[in-house]
Structures are given as structure tokens and as C-alpha cells.
Protein backbone atom coordinates (compact mmCIF):
# COMPACT_ATOMS: atom_id res chain seq x y z
CA MET A 1 15.74 44.09 29.20
CA ARG A 2 13.76 41.22 28.93
CA ILE A 3 14.96 37.54 29.40
CA ALA A 4 12.89 34.74 27.98
CA ASP A 5 13.59 31.76 29.81
CA PRO A 6 12.24 28.68 27.89
CA ASN A 7 11.97 26.76 31.37
CA SER A 8 9.61 29.37 33.04
CA PRO A 9 6.30 28.20 33.57
CA GLY A 10 4.95 31.64 32.65
CA ASN A 11 6.87 31.68 29.42
CA THR A 12 4.37 32.49 26.42
CA LEU A 13 6.87 32.45 23.37
CA PRO A 14 6.55 29.82 20.90
CA ALA A 15 9.33 27.21 20.66
CA GLN A 16 11.79 27.88 17.78
CA THR A 17 11.92 24.16 16.17
CA GLY A 18 12.36 25.60 12.46
CA ALA A 19 8.82 23.87 11.83
CA PRO A 20 5.97 25.83 11.33
CA ALA A 21 3.71 25.73 14.27
CA PRO A 22 0.57 23.36 14.10
CA GLN A 23 -2.75 25.17 13.01
CA THR A 24 -6.20 24.32 13.99
CA ARG A 25 -8.85 24.72 11.51
CA MET A 26 -12.36 23.70 11.00
CA ASP A 27 -13.21 21.62 7.87
CA ALA A 28 -16.35 23.54 6.28
CA GLY A 29 -17.74 20.46 4.44
CA SER A 30 -17.67 17.82 7.65
CA GLY A 31 -17.53 20.44 10.72
CA ALA A 32 -14.27 18.33 11.72
CA ILE A 33 -11.78 20.23 13.56
CA THR A 34 -8.23 19.15 12.39
CA ALA A 35 -4.99 19.89 14.40
CA GLY A 36 -1.40 19.82 13.27
CA ALA A 37 -2.05 19.44 9.60
CA ILE A 38 0.34 21.33 7.45
CA THR A 39 -0.98 21.69 3.97
CA ALA A 40 0.77 22.87 0.64
CA GLY A 41 -1.34 24.58 -1.81
CA SER A 42 -3.57 22.08 -3.57
CA ASP A 43 -1.90 18.97 -2.14
CA ARG A 44 -4.65 16.43 -1.56
CA THR A 45 -5.22 12.64 -1.02
CA ASP A 46 -8.47 10.61 -1.39
CA LEU A 47 -8.51 7.19 -0.01
CA SER A 48 -12.05 6.36 -0.03
CA GLY A 49 -11.68 4.89 -3.60
CA VAL A 50 -8.64 2.48 -2.36
CA ALA A 51 -11.03 1.63 0.58
CA ASP A 52 -13.65 0.85 -1.31
CA ARG A 53 -11.53 -1.59 -3.53
CA LEU A 54 -9.99 -3.05 -0.55
CA SER A 55 -13.40 -3.51 1.05
CA GLY A 56 -14.61 -5.50 -2.16
CA ILE A 57 -11.64 -7.85 -2.34
CA LEU A 58 -11.90 -8.91 1.19
CA GLN A 59 -15.53 -9.52 0.92
CA GLY A 60 -15.14 -11.63 -2.15
CA GLU A 61 -12.11 -13.57 -0.05
CA ALA A 62 -14.40 -14.08 2.87
CA SER A 63 -17.18 -15.35 0.75
CA SER A 64 -14.92 -17.99 -0.80
CA ARG A 65 -13.58 -18.81 2.39
CA ALA A 66 -17.23 -19.44 3.78
CA ASP A 67 -17.90 -21.56 0.99
CA ARG A 68 -14.85 -23.74 1.37
CA ILE A 69 -15.45 -24.07 5.06
CA SER A 70 -19.33 -25.14 4.39
CA GLN A 71 -18.18 -27.72 1.86
CA LEU A 72 -15.49 -29.14 4.34
CA LYS A 73 -18.32 -29.04 7.04
CA ALA A 74 -20.52 -30.93 4.68
CA ASP A 75 -17.70 -33.66 3.82
CA VAL A 76 -16.66 -34.18 7.43
CA ALA A 77 -20.59 -34.76 8.38
CA SER A 78 -20.96 -37.42 5.60
CA GLY A 79 -17.74 -39.04 6.21
CA ALA A 80 -16.18 -38.25 2.67
CA TYR A 81 -13.43 -36.00 4.30
CA ARG A 82 -10.15 -38.00 3.95
CA VAL A 83 -6.93 -36.81 5.44
CA ASP A 84 -3.69 -37.45 3.35
CA ALA A 85 -1.37 -38.39 6.32
CA ASN A 86 1.76 -38.07 4.26
CA ALA A 87 0.81 -34.62 3.25
CA VAL A 88 0.07 -33.63 6.89
CA SER A 89 3.42 -35.14 8.07
CA ARG A 90 5.40 -33.43 5.47
CA ALA A 91 3.58 -30.26 6.60
CA MET A 92 4.59 -30.84 10.18
CA VAL A 93 8.26 -31.52 9.55
CA LYS A 94 8.69 -28.72 7.30
CA GLU A 95 7.21 -26.55 9.76
CA THR A 96 9.32 -27.75 12.63
CA LEU A 97 12.48 -27.25 10.66
CA SER A 98 11.69 -23.72 9.55
CA ALA A 99 10.86 -22.83 13.10
CA SER A 100 14.16 -24.05 14.09
CA GLY A 101 15.79 -22.18 11.53
CA ASP A 102 17.07 -25.11 9.47
CA SER A 103 17.71 -23.64 5.90
CA THR A 104 18.09 -27.01 4.21
CA SER A 105 14.10 -27.49 4.48
CA LYS A 106 12.49 -27.86 1.01
């Protein structure tokens, strides 16, 4: 009679978790080794298109931000940049009230 003790260091029986055991395989296209992936038939996800669109959006925003910063730098250097003290004080008060949890700030 053989007794399989899961706590024994010499135990070589796989754990019974109800889930399939992870498989290790090599991708023929890239040569990459993947472990633990479970595939079902022809399920596939391709994120490269989404990543390309996201990259384009971020580059566009970075470009417009850089243009705005350059304009502000030029205005400050020439003395043409004027600060609206009322707008700054309103923003400071609003930020302080929202940070303190006051729900009446508008």
C-alpha cells in the first residue's frame, strides 16, 4: 500500500487544485518561452494596434504641451505674462476646501 503525503519533500504527485496544470511552451515565431498560459482553441488578443494608437495620442499631447510651455517661457521672458491674482486665489481656496472634505465648495 502506498501513501501519498503532500507535505513530504519527496512527493512527486501534482497538486489537485481542479485547474489545469500550467504548461511551458516555445513560441515558434519569436522563440519566446511562455509559462502558465492556458489557451482555448483560437482565442487571441492583439494589443499592438491599441498600443500604437495610444502612443500617437500621447505624442500629440506631449507636442501641444511643449508648445504651450514654450509660449509661456517667451511671455515670461518678455514680461508679457500676467497672473490673474483673483483666479489664483479662487483656485487655492477651492483646492484647500476640497482637500479638507468640504462638500460646499464650487
